[in-house]
N, C-alpha and C. Protein backbone atom coordinates (compact mmCIF):
# COMPACT_ATOMS: atom_id res chain seq x y z
N UNK A 1 70.62 184.16 88.84
CA UNK A 1 69.70 183.32 88.14
C UNK A 1 70.40 181.97 88.01
N UNK A 2 69.64 180.97 88.12
CA UNK A 2 70.08 179.50 88.02
C UNK A 2 70.22 179.10 86.60
N UNK A 3 70.97 178.01 86.38
CA UNK A 3 71.19 177.55 85.05
C UNK A 3 69.87 177.11 84.36
N UNK A 4 69.02 176.46 85.05
CA UNK A 4 67.79 176.04 84.37
C UNK A 4 66.91 177.20 84.01
N UNK A 5 66.96 178.32 84.79
CA UNK A 5 66.15 179.48 84.38
C UNK A 5 66.79 180.09 83.11
N UNK A 6 68.10 180.15 83.09
CA UNK A 6 68.80 180.75 81.95
C UNK A 6 68.54 179.90 80.65
N UNK A 7 68.56 178.62 80.83
CA UNK A 7 68.23 177.74 79.71
C UNK A 7 66.79 177.95 79.28
N UNK A 8 65.87 178.01 80.20
CA UNK A 8 64.47 178.21 79.83
C UNK A 8 64.36 179.57 79.01
N UNK A 9 65.03 180.58 79.44
CA UNK A 9 65.00 181.88 78.66
C UNK A 9 65.57 181.65 77.26
N UNK A 10 66.62 180.98 77.14
CA UNK A 10 67.21 180.66 75.88
C UNK A 10 66.31 179.91 74.94
N UNK A 11 65.57 178.88 75.49
CA UNK A 11 64.69 178.11 74.74
C UNK A 11 63.48 178.91 74.36
N UNK A 12 63.23 180.07 74.97
CA UNK A 12 62.13 180.91 74.64
C UNK A 12 62.63 182.02 73.61
N UNK A 13 63.89 181.96 73.35
CA UNK A 13 64.45 182.98 72.39
C UNK A 13 65.07 184.19 73.01
N UNK A 14 65.19 184.18 74.39
CA UNK A 14 65.65 185.38 75.10
C UNK A 14 67.26 185.17 75.27
N UNK A 15 67.98 186.01 74.57
CA UNK A 15 69.50 185.91 74.63
C UNK A 15 70.08 186.23 75.96
N UNK A 16 69.33 186.80 76.87
CA UNK A 16 69.89 187.08 78.21
C UNK A 16 70.31 185.85 78.91
N UNK A 17 69.58 184.68 78.62
CA UNK A 17 70.00 183.44 79.21
C UNK A 17 71.37 183.07 78.88
N UNK A 18 71.84 183.38 77.68
CA UNK A 18 73.23 183.01 77.25
C UNK A 18 74.19 183.83 78.08
N UNK A 19 73.85 185.09 78.40
CA UNK A 19 74.79 185.90 79.19
C UNK A 19 75.00 185.32 80.53
N UNK A 20 73.91 184.80 81.11
CA UNK A 20 74.01 184.15 82.45
C UNK A 20 74.93 183.02 82.37
N UNK A 21 74.68 182.14 81.38
CA UNK A 21 75.51 180.91 81.27
C UNK A 21 76.97 181.27 80.97
N UNK A 22 77.25 182.30 80.23
CA UNK A 22 78.66 182.77 79.99
C UNK A 22 79.32 183.14 81.34
N UNK A 23 78.56 183.87 82.12
CA UNK A 23 79.10 184.31 83.42
C UNK A 23 79.36 183.03 84.32
N UNK A 24 78.52 182.05 84.27
CA UNK A 24 78.67 180.88 85.16
C UNK A 24 79.72 179.93 84.66
N UNK A 25 80.02 179.91 83.39
CA UNK A 25 80.84 178.84 82.78
C UNK A 25 82.05 179.29 82.03
N UNK A 26 82.25 180.59 81.93
CA UNK A 26 83.37 181.07 81.15
C UNK A 26 84.71 180.68 81.59
N UNK A 27 84.99 180.71 82.83
CA UNK A 27 86.30 180.36 83.42
C UNK A 27 86.49 178.88 83.20
N UNK A 28 85.53 178.01 83.49
CA UNK A 28 85.68 176.57 83.37
C UNK A 28 85.95 176.25 81.84
N UNK A 29 85.18 177.00 81.02
CA UNK A 29 85.31 176.66 79.56
C UNK A 29 86.72 177.04 79.10
N UNK A 30 87.22 178.20 79.50
CA UNK A 30 88.54 178.68 79.12
C UNK A 30 89.63 177.70 79.67
N UNK A 31 89.49 177.41 80.92
CA UNK A 31 90.54 176.55 81.55
C UNK A 31 90.50 175.12 80.91
N UNK A 32 89.34 174.60 80.62
CA UNK A 32 89.22 173.28 80.02
C UNK A 32 89.83 173.34 78.60
N UNK A 33 89.44 174.36 77.80
CA UNK A 33 89.95 174.43 76.45
C UNK A 33 91.45 174.60 76.49
N UNK A 34 92.03 175.45 77.40
CA UNK A 34 93.43 175.68 77.49
C UNK A 34 94.14 174.42 77.80
N UNK A 35 93.68 173.61 78.79
CA UNK A 35 94.37 172.44 79.25
C UNK A 35 94.37 171.40 78.11
N UNK A 36 93.40 171.46 77.21
CA UNK A 36 93.40 170.48 76.09
C UNK A 36 94.29 171.06 74.94
N UNK A 37 94.08 172.23 74.64
CA UNK A 37 94.78 172.92 73.43
C UNK A 37 96.25 173.32 73.77
N UNK A 38 96.47 173.76 75.01
CA UNK A 38 97.74 174.26 75.50
C UNK A 38 98.13 175.52 74.69
N UNK A 39 97.12 176.30 74.33
CA UNK A 39 97.36 177.57 73.61
C UNK A 39 96.25 178.51 74.03
N UNK A 40 96.64 179.66 74.58
CA UNK A 40 95.70 180.62 75.18
C UNK A 40 94.78 181.21 74.16
N UNK A 41 95.35 181.58 73.03
CA UNK A 41 94.43 182.23 71.94
C UNK A 41 93.46 181.13 71.40
N UNK A 42 93.88 179.89 71.16
CA UNK A 42 93.00 178.86 70.67
C UNK A 42 91.96 178.58 71.73
N UNK A 43 92.35 178.58 72.94
CA UNK A 43 91.37 178.29 74.03
C UNK A 43 90.25 179.42 74.11
N UNK A 44 90.64 180.62 73.83
CA UNK A 44 89.56 181.66 73.83
C UNK A 44 88.69 181.40 72.67
N UNK A 45 89.22 181.09 71.50
CA UNK A 45 88.37 180.78 70.34
C UNK A 45 87.41 179.59 70.63
N UNK A 46 88.06 178.57 71.21
CA UNK A 46 87.26 177.35 71.47
C UNK A 46 86.09 177.71 72.41
N UNK A 47 86.44 178.40 73.47
CA UNK A 47 85.32 178.65 74.45
C UNK A 47 84.26 179.50 73.83
N UNK A 48 84.60 180.52 73.01
CA UNK A 48 83.57 181.32 72.34
C UNK A 48 82.78 180.50 71.39
N UNK A 49 83.48 179.58 70.62
CA UNK A 49 82.74 178.71 69.69
C UNK A 49 81.78 177.74 70.47
N UNK A 50 82.25 177.30 71.59
CA UNK A 50 81.43 176.35 72.42
C UNK A 50 80.15 177.05 72.88
N UNK A 51 80.19 178.26 73.33
CA UNK A 51 79.04 178.96 73.77
C UNK A 51 78.11 179.22 72.62
N UNK A 52 78.64 179.52 71.47
CA UNK A 52 77.80 179.74 70.28
C UNK A 52 77.10 178.45 69.86
N UNK A 53 77.88 177.36 69.92
CA UNK A 53 77.24 176.01 69.62
C UNK A 53 76.23 175.62 70.56
N UNK A 54 76.43 175.83 71.82
CA UNK A 54 75.45 175.53 72.84
C UNK A 54 74.16 176.43 72.62
N UNK A 55 74.38 177.67 72.32
CA UNK A 55 73.22 178.53 71.98
C UNK A 55 72.48 178.03 70.80
N UNK A 56 73.16 177.59 69.78
CA UNK A 56 72.45 177.12 68.57
C UNK A 56 71.78 175.87 68.82
N UNK A 57 72.33 175.05 69.75
CA UNK A 57 71.69 173.67 69.94
C UNK A 57 70.90 173.54 71.26
N UNK A 58 70.59 174.62 71.84
CA UNK A 58 69.96 174.63 73.20
C UNK A 58 68.64 173.83 73.13
N UNK A 59 67.99 173.77 72.03
CA UNK A 59 66.71 172.98 71.91
C UNK A 59 66.98 171.54 72.05
N UNK A 60 68.18 171.06 71.80
CA UNK A 60 68.54 169.65 71.96
C UNK A 60 68.83 169.29 73.44
N UNK A 61 69.06 170.27 74.30
CA UNK A 61 69.38 170.10 75.65
C UNK A 61 68.26 169.61 76.48
N UNK A 62 68.35 168.54 77.18
CA UNK A 62 67.35 168.04 78.09
C UNK A 62 67.41 168.79 79.41
N UNK A 63 66.39 169.60 79.68
CA UNK A 63 66.37 170.46 80.87
C UNK A 63 66.45 169.74 82.17
N UNK A 64 66.10 168.36 82.09
CA UNK A 64 66.15 167.57 83.30
C UNK A 64 67.51 167.08 83.66
N UNK A 65 68.48 167.36 82.86
CA UNK A 65 69.85 167.00 83.05
C UNK A 65 70.67 168.13 83.43
N UNK A 66 71.89 167.87 84.11
CA UNK A 66 72.70 169.09 84.44
C UNK A 66 73.39 169.67 83.20
N UNK A 67 73.50 170.91 83.21
CA UNK A 67 74.06 171.66 82.02
C UNK A 67 75.55 171.49 81.88
N UNK A 68 76.30 171.50 82.97
CA UNK A 68 77.77 171.48 82.88
C UNK A 68 78.30 170.31 82.08
N UNK A 69 77.92 169.01 82.30
CA UNK A 69 78.53 167.98 81.50
C UNK A 69 78.19 168.11 80.07
N UNK A 70 77.02 168.52 79.68
CA UNK A 70 76.60 168.74 78.28
C UNK A 70 77.45 169.81 77.72
N UNK A 71 77.54 170.91 78.36
CA UNK A 71 78.32 172.06 77.82
C UNK A 71 79.88 171.74 77.72
N UNK A 72 80.34 171.17 78.76
CA UNK A 72 81.84 170.82 78.72
C UNK A 72 82.23 169.75 77.74
N UNK A 73 81.23 168.96 77.36
CA UNK A 73 81.50 168.06 76.27
C UNK A 73 81.59 168.81 74.98
N UNK A 74 80.81 169.87 74.83
CA UNK A 74 80.94 170.67 73.68
C UNK A 74 82.34 171.37 73.65
N UNK A 75 82.73 171.88 74.81
CA UNK A 75 84.08 172.49 74.93
C UNK A 75 85.17 171.53 74.49
N UNK A 76 85.15 170.33 75.09
CA UNK A 76 86.15 169.34 74.85
C UNK A 76 86.19 168.97 73.32
N UNK A 77 85.01 168.73 72.75
CA UNK A 77 84.92 168.42 71.33
C UNK A 77 85.38 169.56 70.47
N UNK A 78 85.00 170.77 70.81
CA UNK A 78 85.50 171.99 70.06
C UNK A 78 86.97 172.10 70.16
N UNK A 79 87.57 171.79 71.31
CA UNK A 79 89.03 171.88 71.49
C UNK A 79 89.71 170.83 70.60
N UNK A 80 89.19 169.59 70.60
CA UNK A 80 89.76 168.57 69.80
C UNK A 80 89.71 168.97 68.26
N UNK A 81 88.56 169.47 67.91
CA UNK A 81 88.35 169.81 66.46
C UNK A 81 89.33 170.97 66.13
N UNK A 82 89.54 171.91 67.10
CA UNK A 82 90.48 173.04 66.74
C UNK A 82 91.92 172.51 66.63
N UNK A 83 92.26 171.54 67.45
CA UNK A 83 93.57 170.87 67.39
C UNK A 83 93.77 170.25 66.03
N UNK A 84 92.76 169.43 65.63
CA UNK A 84 92.86 168.75 64.34
C UNK A 84 92.96 169.77 63.19
N UNK A 85 92.20 170.86 63.22
CA UNK A 85 92.19 171.85 62.22
C UNK A 85 93.59 172.48 62.11
N UNK A 86 94.09 172.86 63.25
CA UNK A 86 95.42 173.53 63.29
C UNK A 86 96.55 172.61 62.82
N UNK A 87 96.32 171.33 63.17
CA UNK A 87 97.40 170.33 62.86
C UNK A 87 97.43 170.23 61.26
N UNK A 88 96.26 170.25 60.64
CA UNK A 88 96.25 170.20 59.20
C UNK A 88 96.95 171.39 58.60
N UNK A 89 96.85 172.53 59.27
CA UNK A 89 97.43 173.74 58.70
C UNK A 89 98.99 173.73 58.89
N UNK A 90 99.40 173.34 60.04
CA UNK A 90 100.86 173.29 60.42
C UNK A 90 101.06 172.45 61.66
N UNK A 91 102.25 172.07 61.89
CA UNK A 91 102.66 171.23 63.05
C UNK A 91 102.77 172.24 64.21
N UNK A 92 101.72 172.40 65.01
CA UNK A 92 101.58 173.42 65.94
C UNK A 92 102.33 173.15 67.27
N UNK A 93 102.60 171.91 67.56
CA UNK A 93 103.15 171.49 68.77
C UNK A 93 104.70 171.83 68.92
N UNK A 94 105.38 171.85 67.77
CA UNK A 94 106.82 171.94 67.78
C UNK A 94 107.32 173.12 68.56
N UNK A 95 106.91 174.40 68.23
CA UNK A 95 107.49 175.59 68.82
C UNK A 95 106.58 176.31 69.64
N UNK A 96 105.34 176.58 69.12
CA UNK A 96 104.41 177.55 69.76
C UNK A 96 104.02 177.06 71.22
N UNK A 97 103.76 175.81 71.39
CA UNK A 97 103.26 175.34 72.61
C UNK A 97 104.34 175.16 73.71
N UNK A 98 105.58 175.21 73.31
CA UNK A 98 106.67 174.99 74.25
C UNK A 98 107.00 176.35 75.00
N UNK A 99 106.44 177.47 74.40
CA UNK A 99 106.73 178.71 75.12
C UNK A 99 105.78 178.81 76.33
N UNK A 100 106.24 179.35 77.38
CA UNK A 100 105.44 179.48 78.58
C UNK A 100 104.45 180.65 78.46
N UNK A 101 103.23 180.32 78.75
CA UNK A 101 102.23 181.39 78.67
C UNK A 101 101.79 181.56 80.11
N UNK A 102 102.21 182.64 80.76
CA UNK A 102 101.86 182.76 82.17
C UNK A 102 100.44 183.04 82.39
N UNK A 103 99.87 182.67 83.50
CA UNK A 103 98.51 182.94 83.89
C UNK A 103 98.42 184.38 84.40
N UNK A 104 97.66 185.23 83.61
CA UNK A 104 97.66 186.72 83.98
C UNK A 104 97.13 187.00 85.29
N UNK A 105 96.38 186.05 85.88
CA UNK A 105 95.72 186.31 87.25
C UNK A 105 96.69 185.87 88.35
N UNK A 106 97.82 185.33 88.02
CA UNK A 106 98.71 184.92 89.11
C UNK A 106 99.72 186.02 89.48
N UNK A 107 100.19 185.89 90.69
CA UNK A 107 101.15 186.96 91.07
C UNK A 107 102.52 186.63 90.46
N UNK A 108 103.43 187.63 90.50
CA UNK A 108 104.78 187.46 89.93
C UNK A 108 105.53 186.42 90.77
N UNK A 109 105.34 186.40 91.99
CA UNK A 109 106.01 185.46 92.87
C UNK A 109 105.61 183.99 92.55
N UNK A 110 104.29 183.83 92.36
CA UNK A 110 103.86 182.48 92.01
C UNK A 110 104.37 182.06 90.67
N UNK A 111 104.32 183.01 89.75
CA UNK A 111 104.84 182.64 88.38
C UNK A 111 106.33 182.28 88.45
N UNK A 112 107.18 182.99 89.19
CA UNK A 112 108.52 182.72 89.26
C UNK A 112 108.77 181.35 89.91
N UNK A 113 107.98 181.11 91.04
CA UNK A 113 108.14 179.81 91.78
C UNK A 113 107.81 178.63 90.97
N UNK A 114 106.74 178.78 90.11
CA UNK A 114 106.26 177.62 89.43
C UNK A 114 106.72 177.54 87.98
N UNK A 115 107.59 178.45 87.50
CA UNK A 115 107.96 178.49 86.12
C UNK A 115 108.61 177.17 85.70
N UNK A 116 109.56 176.71 86.52
CA UNK A 116 110.29 175.51 86.11
C UNK A 116 109.40 174.32 86.02
N UNK A 117 108.57 174.12 87.07
CA UNK A 117 107.68 172.97 87.13
C UNK A 117 106.64 173.09 85.95
N UNK A 118 106.04 174.24 85.77
CA UNK A 118 105.08 174.42 84.66
C UNK A 118 105.68 174.18 83.32
N UNK A 119 106.85 174.56 83.15
CA UNK A 119 107.56 174.36 81.83
C UNK A 119 107.82 172.81 81.59
N UNK A 120 108.23 172.14 82.62
CA UNK A 120 108.45 170.69 82.53
C UNK A 120 107.11 170.01 82.18
N UNK A 121 106.14 170.35 82.99
CA UNK A 121 104.77 169.70 82.82
C UNK A 121 104.22 170.07 81.47
N UNK A 122 104.28 171.32 81.05
CA UNK A 122 103.75 171.74 79.75
C UNK A 122 104.44 170.94 78.73
N UNK A 123 105.75 170.84 78.75
CA UNK A 123 106.52 170.16 77.74
C UNK A 123 106.01 168.64 77.70
N UNK A 124 105.80 168.06 78.85
CA UNK A 124 105.33 166.67 78.88
C UNK A 124 103.92 166.55 78.25
N UNK A 125 103.04 167.52 78.59
CA UNK A 125 101.67 167.52 78.03
C UNK A 125 101.64 167.61 76.55
N UNK A 126 102.63 168.41 76.00
CA UNK A 126 102.63 168.56 74.54
C UNK A 126 102.96 167.25 73.86
N UNK A 127 103.64 166.32 74.55
CA UNK A 127 104.00 165.08 74.00
C UNK A 127 102.82 164.02 74.12
N UNK A 128 101.76 164.30 74.83
CA UNK A 128 100.64 163.39 74.87
C UNK A 128 99.83 163.63 73.58
N UNK A 129 99.08 162.58 73.23
CA UNK A 129 98.12 162.80 72.11
C UNK A 129 96.98 163.69 72.65
N UNK A 130 96.35 164.37 71.71
CA UNK A 130 95.21 165.17 72.14
C UNK A 130 94.16 164.41 72.92
N UNK A 131 93.87 163.15 72.54
CA UNK A 131 92.89 162.32 73.25
C UNK A 131 93.31 161.94 74.68
N UNK A 132 94.61 161.65 74.80
CA UNK A 132 95.13 161.45 76.16
C UNK A 132 95.12 162.69 77.00
N UNK A 133 95.49 163.83 76.35
CA UNK A 133 95.49 165.13 77.11
C UNK A 133 94.04 165.39 77.54
N UNK A 134 93.07 165.26 76.63
CA UNK A 134 91.71 165.52 77.00
C UNK A 134 91.17 164.62 78.12
N UNK A 135 91.56 163.34 78.07
CA UNK A 135 91.16 162.41 79.14
C UNK A 135 91.75 162.90 80.50
N UNK A 136 93.04 163.25 80.50
CA UNK A 136 93.68 163.76 81.77
C UNK A 136 93.04 165.00 82.25
N UNK A 137 92.70 165.96 81.32
CA UNK A 137 92.00 167.17 81.75
C UNK A 137 90.67 166.83 82.38
N UNK A 138 89.92 166.02 81.73
CA UNK A 138 88.59 165.65 82.25
C UNK A 138 88.64 164.98 83.70
N UNK A 139 89.66 164.10 83.82
CA UNK A 139 89.75 163.45 85.13
C UNK A 139 90.35 164.31 86.26
N UNK A 140 91.54 164.91 85.94
CA UNK A 140 92.21 165.55 86.93
C UNK A 140 92.04 167.01 87.09
N UNK A 141 91.51 167.65 86.16
CA UNK A 141 91.24 169.10 86.22
C UNK A 141 89.74 169.29 86.53
N UNK A 142 88.94 168.62 85.67
CA UNK A 142 87.45 168.73 85.90
C UNK A 142 86.90 167.78 87.02
N UNK A 143 87.73 166.85 87.38
CA UNK A 143 87.30 165.84 88.46
C UNK A 143 86.17 164.97 88.09
N UNK A 144 86.12 164.56 86.79
CA UNK A 144 85.06 163.72 86.34
C UNK A 144 85.36 162.26 86.59
N UNK A 145 84.40 161.46 86.83
CA UNK A 145 84.58 160.04 86.97
C UNK A 145 84.53 159.37 85.59
N UNK A 146 84.80 158.12 85.54
CA UNK A 146 84.84 157.39 84.27
C UNK A 146 83.52 157.40 83.52
N UNK A 147 82.44 157.21 84.22
CA UNK A 147 81.18 157.25 83.63
C UNK A 147 80.85 158.61 83.01
N UNK A 148 81.13 159.65 83.75
CA UNK A 148 80.96 161.07 83.23
C UNK A 148 81.83 161.35 82.05
N UNK A 149 83.06 160.86 82.12
CA UNK A 149 84.03 161.05 81.06
C UNK A 149 83.52 160.33 79.80
N UNK A 150 83.01 159.15 79.99
CA UNK A 150 82.54 158.39 78.92
C UNK A 150 81.45 159.13 78.21
N UNK A 151 80.51 159.69 78.96
CA UNK A 151 79.43 160.50 78.41
C UNK A 151 79.96 161.76 77.74
N UNK A 152 80.81 162.45 78.40
CA UNK A 152 81.37 163.70 77.87
C UNK A 152 82.17 163.53 76.65
N UNK A 153 82.94 162.46 76.50
CA UNK A 153 83.83 162.16 75.36
C UNK A 153 83.11 161.44 74.31
N UNK A 154 81.91 160.81 74.67
CA UNK A 154 81.23 160.06 73.61
C UNK A 154 81.89 158.71 73.25
N UNK A 155 82.48 158.07 74.29
CA UNK A 155 83.21 156.84 74.03
C UNK A 155 82.95 155.85 75.20
N UNK A 156 83.13 154.61 75.01
CA UNK A 156 82.95 153.61 76.04
C UNK A 156 83.89 153.88 77.24
N UNK A 157 83.49 153.37 78.44
CA UNK A 157 84.28 153.51 79.61
C UNK A 157 85.66 152.86 79.49
N UNK A 158 85.64 151.73 78.81
CA UNK A 158 86.96 151.01 78.54
C UNK A 158 87.94 151.95 77.82
N UNK A 159 87.45 152.69 76.80
CA UNK A 159 88.32 153.52 76.05
C UNK A 159 88.78 154.67 76.97
N UNK A 160 87.94 155.16 77.82
CA UNK A 160 88.38 156.26 78.76
C UNK A 160 89.48 155.68 79.68
N UNK A 161 89.25 154.54 80.19
CA UNK A 161 90.29 153.85 81.09
C UNK A 161 91.62 153.75 80.38
N UNK A 162 91.57 153.29 79.12
CA UNK A 162 92.79 153.10 78.37
C UNK A 162 93.52 154.44 78.13
N UNK A 163 92.68 155.45 77.75
CA UNK A 163 93.38 156.72 77.51
C UNK A 163 93.98 157.31 78.77
N UNK A 164 93.33 157.14 79.86
CA UNK A 164 93.91 157.59 81.10
C UNK A 164 95.18 156.78 81.49
N UNK A 165 95.17 155.50 81.34
CA UNK A 165 96.28 154.63 81.60
C UNK A 165 97.48 155.05 80.66
N UNK A 166 97.21 155.19 79.38
CA UNK A 166 98.24 155.56 78.47
C UNK A 166 98.81 156.97 78.88
N UNK A 167 97.97 157.89 79.22
CA UNK A 167 98.46 159.19 79.54
C UNK A 167 99.29 159.10 80.82
N UNK A 168 98.93 158.38 81.82
CA UNK A 168 99.71 158.22 83.08
C UNK A 168 101.04 157.62 82.76
N UNK A 169 100.96 156.57 81.91
CA UNK A 169 102.26 155.86 81.60
C UNK A 169 103.21 156.77 80.85
N UNK A 170 102.66 157.52 79.92
CA UNK A 170 103.54 158.50 79.20
C UNK A 170 104.10 159.57 80.10
N UNK A 171 103.31 160.14 81.05
CA UNK A 171 103.76 161.06 81.95
C UNK A 171 104.81 160.58 82.85
N UNK A 172 104.65 159.25 83.29
CA UNK A 172 105.70 158.67 84.13
C UNK A 172 106.97 158.55 83.45
N UNK A 173 106.88 158.20 82.20
CA UNK A 173 108.12 158.13 81.29
C UNK A 173 108.70 159.48 81.04
N UNK A 174 107.84 160.48 80.79
CA UNK A 174 108.36 161.87 80.50
C UNK A 174 108.86 162.61 81.72
N UNK A 175 108.29 162.25 82.88
CA UNK A 175 108.65 163.02 84.11
C UNK A 175 109.19 162.12 85.16
N UNK A 176 110.17 161.37 84.90
CA UNK A 176 110.65 160.41 85.92
C UNK A 176 111.24 161.15 87.16
N UNK A 177 111.85 162.22 86.98
CA UNK A 177 112.39 163.01 88.14
C UNK A 177 111.33 163.77 88.96
N UNK A 178 110.19 163.92 88.35
CA UNK A 178 109.20 164.74 89.01
C UNK A 178 108.04 163.89 89.54
N UNK A 179 107.92 162.68 89.12
CA UNK A 179 106.80 161.81 89.61
C UNK A 179 107.58 160.62 90.20
N UNK A 180 107.30 160.41 91.47
CA UNK A 180 107.85 159.26 92.23
C UNK A 180 106.88 158.07 92.17
N UNK A 181 107.01 157.16 91.27
CA UNK A 181 106.12 156.04 91.23
C UNK A 181 104.71 156.43 90.95
N UNK A 182 103.85 156.47 91.90
CA UNK A 182 102.43 156.89 91.72
C UNK A 182 101.63 155.61 91.47
N UNK A 183 100.32 155.82 91.71
CA UNK A 183 99.40 154.70 91.53
C UNK A 183 98.34 155.06 90.46
N UNK A 184 97.71 154.02 89.88
CA UNK A 184 96.64 154.26 88.97
C UNK A 184 95.42 154.28 89.73
């Protein structure tokens, strides 16, 4: 079943449409949330909340537009809200996010080979602001252009460019031995 058919079912009150959307977007939602939150448990909660939010607000969705950007904006916003909420409760970046959380779908060999690199990159990502991290995830993981990111994040393109620039500059400073120069 296609996205527009699933959305039409949801708009008619048929919950099976949500099941279809979950199957289509669960992996992307989890990965997006994880890359922003850097916490597997939080990412699961964020993805679940995003699907519920999309379900509750499906009437606001314009069927003539693609579903993915609308939904992934919800995921990104939910992830940022989760970070802010958790930050108010405790300083969550200090210890919890520095621990390596291996990808359960990867092989042991891949995990061993990438452990050092992943640890260094994860540590660098924890030092970015949530907004910089979100911009980086949208650009380099989701492959979105600046116009799409502007729409997804609900901010002007100039702000998107600035966040990306700041994130790249911070990563260059934090990963000098891992990144050789690079271009913007």
